[in-house]
């Protein structure tokens, strides 16, 4: 017969015994609580440094803005360039003299009959006369206007030549009382002041 060796049995611990006795495993009473470490709080030092740096940056920007504003206020403003003035052509000497003659209270003013108000005869107290031209038709090339002074004798004297582009033209002959000034192309047309188309009579 074969002999079976003897096996020594060691006593089970209480925890194992409880496990053997309880087929569902260890009970809650046998669990040990696990300690969870508390979360570490950030140190306030970095936050303080960031706030300090932001404050310094804001102060620097404010200082730069103040300095720039002060410099712009101290700098003189650029000089204003006046707008270009309209250049007007100078008044010709003849026109100035005619206007001066017209401004005298003793000057006679006679509108030429037939000129539609575009020709005015101005005669000073001493007989010096001029014709003011305003919008009169221009003469054709080679066919200028002639002004004739017809006195008591009836003989026309040529006193001026103009084209209609002038503003004023002085007569070379004096114009007395009852004298006529006729604008005609030739002497023959000026011989009949009454029938002339453009004439001014000084009363």
Protein backbone atom coordinates (compact mmCIF):
# COMPACT_ATOMS: atom_id res chain seq x y z
CA UNK A 1 0.00 0.00 0.00
CA UNK A 2 1.18 3.50 -0.86
CA UNK A 3 1.48 5.83 2.03
CA UNK A 4 0.18 9.47 1.75
CA UNK A 5 2.46 12.00 3.25
CA UNK A 6 1.08 14.09 5.96
CA UNK A 7 0.32 17.78 5.12
CA UNK A 8 0.47 20.21 7.91
CA UNK A 9 -2.33 22.82 7.90
CA UNK A 10 -1.52 26.38 8.95
CA UNK A 11 -4.23 28.46 10.49
CA UNK A 12 -5.86 31.01 8.17
CA UNK A 13 -5.87 34.68 8.95
CA UNK A 14 -9.02 36.36 9.98
CA UNK A 15 -9.31 38.17 6.67
CA UNK A 16 -9.07 34.97 4.72
CA UNK A 17 -11.49 33.29 7.00
CA UNK A 18 -13.99 36.03 6.46
CA UNK A 19 -13.54 35.65 2.75
CA UNK A 20 -14.11 31.97 2.93
CA UNK A 21 -17.12 32.36 5.09
CA UNK A 22 -18.60 35.12 2.81
CA UNK A 23 -18.89 33.83 -0.76
CA UNK A 24 -19.58 37.38 -2.09
CA UNK A 25 -16.15 38.60 -1.14
CA UNK A 26 -14.99 40.99 1.47
CA UNK A 27 -17.56 43.30 2.95
CA UNK A 28 -17.38 47.07 3.07
CA UNK A 29 -16.20 46.96 6.59
CA UNK A 30 -13.03 45.35 5.45
CA UNK A 31 -12.22 48.22 2.92
CA UNK A 32 -9.65 50.77 3.97
CA UNK A 33 -10.18 54.50 3.09
CA UNK A 34 -7.80 55.95 0.47
CA UNK A 35 -6.38 59.36 1.20
CA UNK A 36 -6.50 61.68 -1.86
CA UNK A 37 -3.89 64.44 -1.73
CA UNK A 38 -5.35 67.96 -1.72
CA UNK A 39 -4.83 69.96 -4.96
CA UNK A 40 -1.94 72.30 -4.77
CA UNK A 41 -2.95 76.00 -4.98
CA UNK A 42 -0.90 78.24 -7.29
CA UNK A 43 1.38 80.61 -5.60
CA UNK A 44 0.13 84.24 -5.62
CA UNK A 45 3.58 85.53 -6.50
CA UNK A 46 3.31 85.12 -10.34
CA UNK A 47 -0.09 86.85 -10.37
CA UNK A 48 1.30 89.79 -8.46
CA UNK A 49 4.21 90.04 -10.88
CA UNK A 50 1.89 90.00 -13.91
CA UNK A 51 -0.31 92.72 -12.43
CA UNK A 52 2.76 94.79 -11.63
CA UNK A 53 4.13 94.45 -15.16
CA UNK A 54 0.75 95.41 -16.66
CA UNK A 55 0.61 98.51 -14.47
CA UNK A 56 4.13 99.52 -15.48
CA UNK A 57 3.29 99.03 -19.17
CA UNK A 58 0.20 101.20 -18.86
CA UNK A 59 2.22 103.94 -17.13
CA UNK A 60 4.88 103.83 -19.86
CA UNK A 61 2.26 104.11 -22.63
CA UNK A 62 0.58 106.99 -20.83
CA UNK A 63 3.88 108.80 -20.43
CA UNK A 64 4.71 108.38 -24.12
CA UNK A 65 1.30 109.76 -25.09
CA UNK A 66 1.74 112.79 -22.82
CA UNK A 67 5.22 113.51 -24.21
CA UNK A 68 3.96 113.23 -27.80
CA UNK A 69 1.04 115.56 -27.08
CA UNK A 70 3.37 118.08 -25.42
CA UNK A 71 5.75 118.06 -28.38
CA UNK A 72 2.94 118.49 -30.88
CA UNK A 73 1.60 121.41 -28.84
CA UNK A 74 5.02 123.05 -28.62
CA UNK A 75 5.79 122.70 -32.31
CA UNK A 76 4.68 125.74 -34.32
CA UNK A 77 1.82 125.19 -36.68
CA UNK A 78 2.78 125.19 -40.35
CA UNK A 79 2.17 128.57 -41.96
CA UNK A 80 -1.05 128.88 -43.88
CA UNK A 81 -0.62 129.29 -47.56
CA UNK A 82 -3.04 131.95 -48.76
CA UNK A 83 -5.18 130.96 -51.73
CA UNK A 84 -3.95 132.30 -55.02
CA UNK A 85 -5.49 135.63 -55.81
CA UNK A 86 -7.29 136.06 -59.04
CA UNK A 87 -5.04 137.98 -61.38
CA UNK A 88 -6.99 140.75 -63.03
CA UNK A 89 -5.67 142.47 -66.09
CA UNK A 90 -4.65 146.05 -65.39
CA UNK A 91 -6.98 148.75 -66.61
CA UNK A 92 -5.53 150.41 -69.69
CA UNK A 93 -4.47 154.00 -69.32
CA UNK A 94 -6.97 155.24 -71.90
CA UNK A 95 -9.84 153.57 -70.07
CA UNK A 96 -8.74 155.02 -66.74
CA UNK A 97 -8.63 158.50 -68.26
CA UNK A 98 -12.06 158.03 -69.80
CA UNK A 99 -13.51 156.88 -66.46
CA UNK A 100 -11.95 159.85 -64.72
CA UNK A 101 -13.52 162.16 -67.30
CA UNK A 102 -16.87 160.40 -66.85
CA UNK A 103 -16.73 160.82 -63.07
CA UNK A 104 -16.57 164.64 -63.26
CA UNK A 105 -19.89 166.36 -62.56
CA UNK A 106 -19.39 168.79 -65.42
CA UNK A 107 -19.04 166.02 -68.03
CA UNK A 108 -21.79 165.65 -70.63
CA UNK A 109 -22.96 162.13 -71.43
CA UNK A 110 -24.71 161.37 -74.70
CA UNK A 111 -25.74 157.91 -75.90
CA UNK A 112 -25.17 157.41 -79.61
CA UNK A 113 -28.40 157.08 -81.50
CA UNK A 114 -28.44 153.77 -83.37
CA UNK A 115 -25.88 152.06 -81.11
CA UNK A 116 -28.49 150.43 -78.83
CA UNK A 117 -26.69 151.86 -75.85
CA UNK A 118 -23.32 150.28 -76.67
CA UNK A 119 -21.61 153.63 -77.47
CA UNK A 120 -21.59 156.62 -75.13
CA UNK A 121 -20.04 159.99 -75.87
CA UNK A 122 -18.52 161.75 -72.84
CA UNK A 123 -17.42 165.37 -73.25
CA UNK A 124 -15.65 167.43 -70.64
CA UNK A 125 -16.25 171.09 -69.97
CA UNK A 126 -13.25 172.02 -72.14
CA UNK A 127 -14.45 170.01 -75.14
CA UNK A 128 -12.23 166.97 -74.60
CA UNK A 129 -14.26 163.96 -75.64
CA UNK A 130 -14.09 160.17 -75.58
CA UNK A 131 -16.29 157.30 -76.70
CA UNK A 132 -17.03 154.50 -74.23
CA UNK A 133 -17.48 151.15 -75.95
CA UNK A 134 -19.56 148.43 -74.24
CA UNK A 135 -20.52 145.33 -76.22
CA UNK A 136 -20.45 147.03 -79.61
CA UNK A 137 -20.18 144.78 -82.66
CA UNK A 138 -16.62 144.15 -83.75
CA UNK A 139 -15.59 145.61 -87.07
CA UNK A 140 -14.66 143.29 -89.90
CA UNK A 141 -10.98 142.84 -90.61
CA UNK A 142 -9.72 145.78 -92.67
CA UNK A 143 -12.92 147.76 -92.12
CA UNK A 144 -12.51 149.73 -88.87
CA UNK A 145 -14.96 152.25 -87.46
CA UNK A 146 -14.23 155.97 -87.78
CA UNK A 147 -15.53 158.73 -85.56
CA UNK A 148 -16.08 162.08 -87.24
CA UNK A 149 -16.70 165.40 -85.52
CA UNK A 150 -19.07 167.60 -87.46
CA UNK A 151 -19.12 171.23 -86.31
CA UNK A 152 -21.15 174.27 -87.25
CA UNK A 153 -19.37 174.48 -90.62
CA UNK A 154 -20.71 171.06 -91.59
CA UNK A 155 -17.27 169.77 -92.52
CA UNK A 156 -16.55 166.38 -90.90
CA UNK A 157 -13.17 165.97 -89.21
CA UNK A 158 -11.92 162.47 -88.58
CA UNK A 159 -11.18 162.24 -84.86
CA UNK A 160 -10.75 158.52 -84.02
CA UNK A 161 -10.43 155.03 -85.42
CA UNK A 162 -11.48 151.91 -83.49
CA UNK A 163 -12.49 148.28 -84.02
CA UNK A 164 -15.03 147.77 -81.24
CA UNK A 165 -12.62 145.71 -79.11
CA UNK A 166 -11.55 148.79 -77.15
CA UNK A 167 -13.26 149.86 -73.94
CA UNK A 168 -12.67 153.56 -74.62
CA UNK A 169 -11.22 155.75 -77.35
CA UNK A 170 -10.40 159.47 -77.13
CA UNK A 171 -11.17 161.86 -79.94
CA UNK A 172 -8.37 163.93 -81.38
CA UNK A 173 -10.74 166.86 -82.09
CA UNK A 174 -12.62 168.88 -79.50
CA UNK A 175 -16.40 168.64 -79.40
CA UNK A 176 -18.18 171.97 -78.87
CA UNK A 177 -21.77 172.80 -78.16
CA UNK A 178 -24.13 171.75 -80.96
CA UNK A 179 -21.40 169.59 -82.51
CA UNK A 180 -22.17 166.08 -83.64
CA UNK A 181 -20.03 162.96 -83.53
CA UNK A 182 -20.79 160.47 -86.28
CA UNK A 183 -19.55 156.89 -86.55
CA UNK A 184 -19.25 156.22 -90.26
CA UNK A 185 -16.89 154.26 -92.52
CA UNK A 186 -15.94 157.27 -94.64
CA UNK A 187 -16.22 161.04 -95.01
CA UNK A 188 -19.09 160.85 -97.46
CA UNK A 189 -21.25 158.99 -94.97
CA UNK A 190 -20.38 161.51 -92.27
CA UNK A 191 -21.42 164.51 -94.34
CA UNK A 192 -25.08 164.02 -93.39
CA UNK A 193 -25.22 163.65 -89.60
CA UNK A 194 -29.02 163.67 -89.64
CA UNK A 195 -29.17 160.62 -91.88
CA UNK A 196 -26.24 158.83 -90.27
CA UNK A 197 -27.08 155.58 -88.52
CA UNK A 198 -24.86 156.19 -85.48
CA UNK A 199 -24.62 159.72 -84.22
CA UNK A 200 -24.38 161.65 -80.96
CA UNK A 201 -25.28 165.35 -80.69
CA UNK A 202 -23.94 167.47 -77.89
CA UNK A 203 -26.48 170.09 -76.94
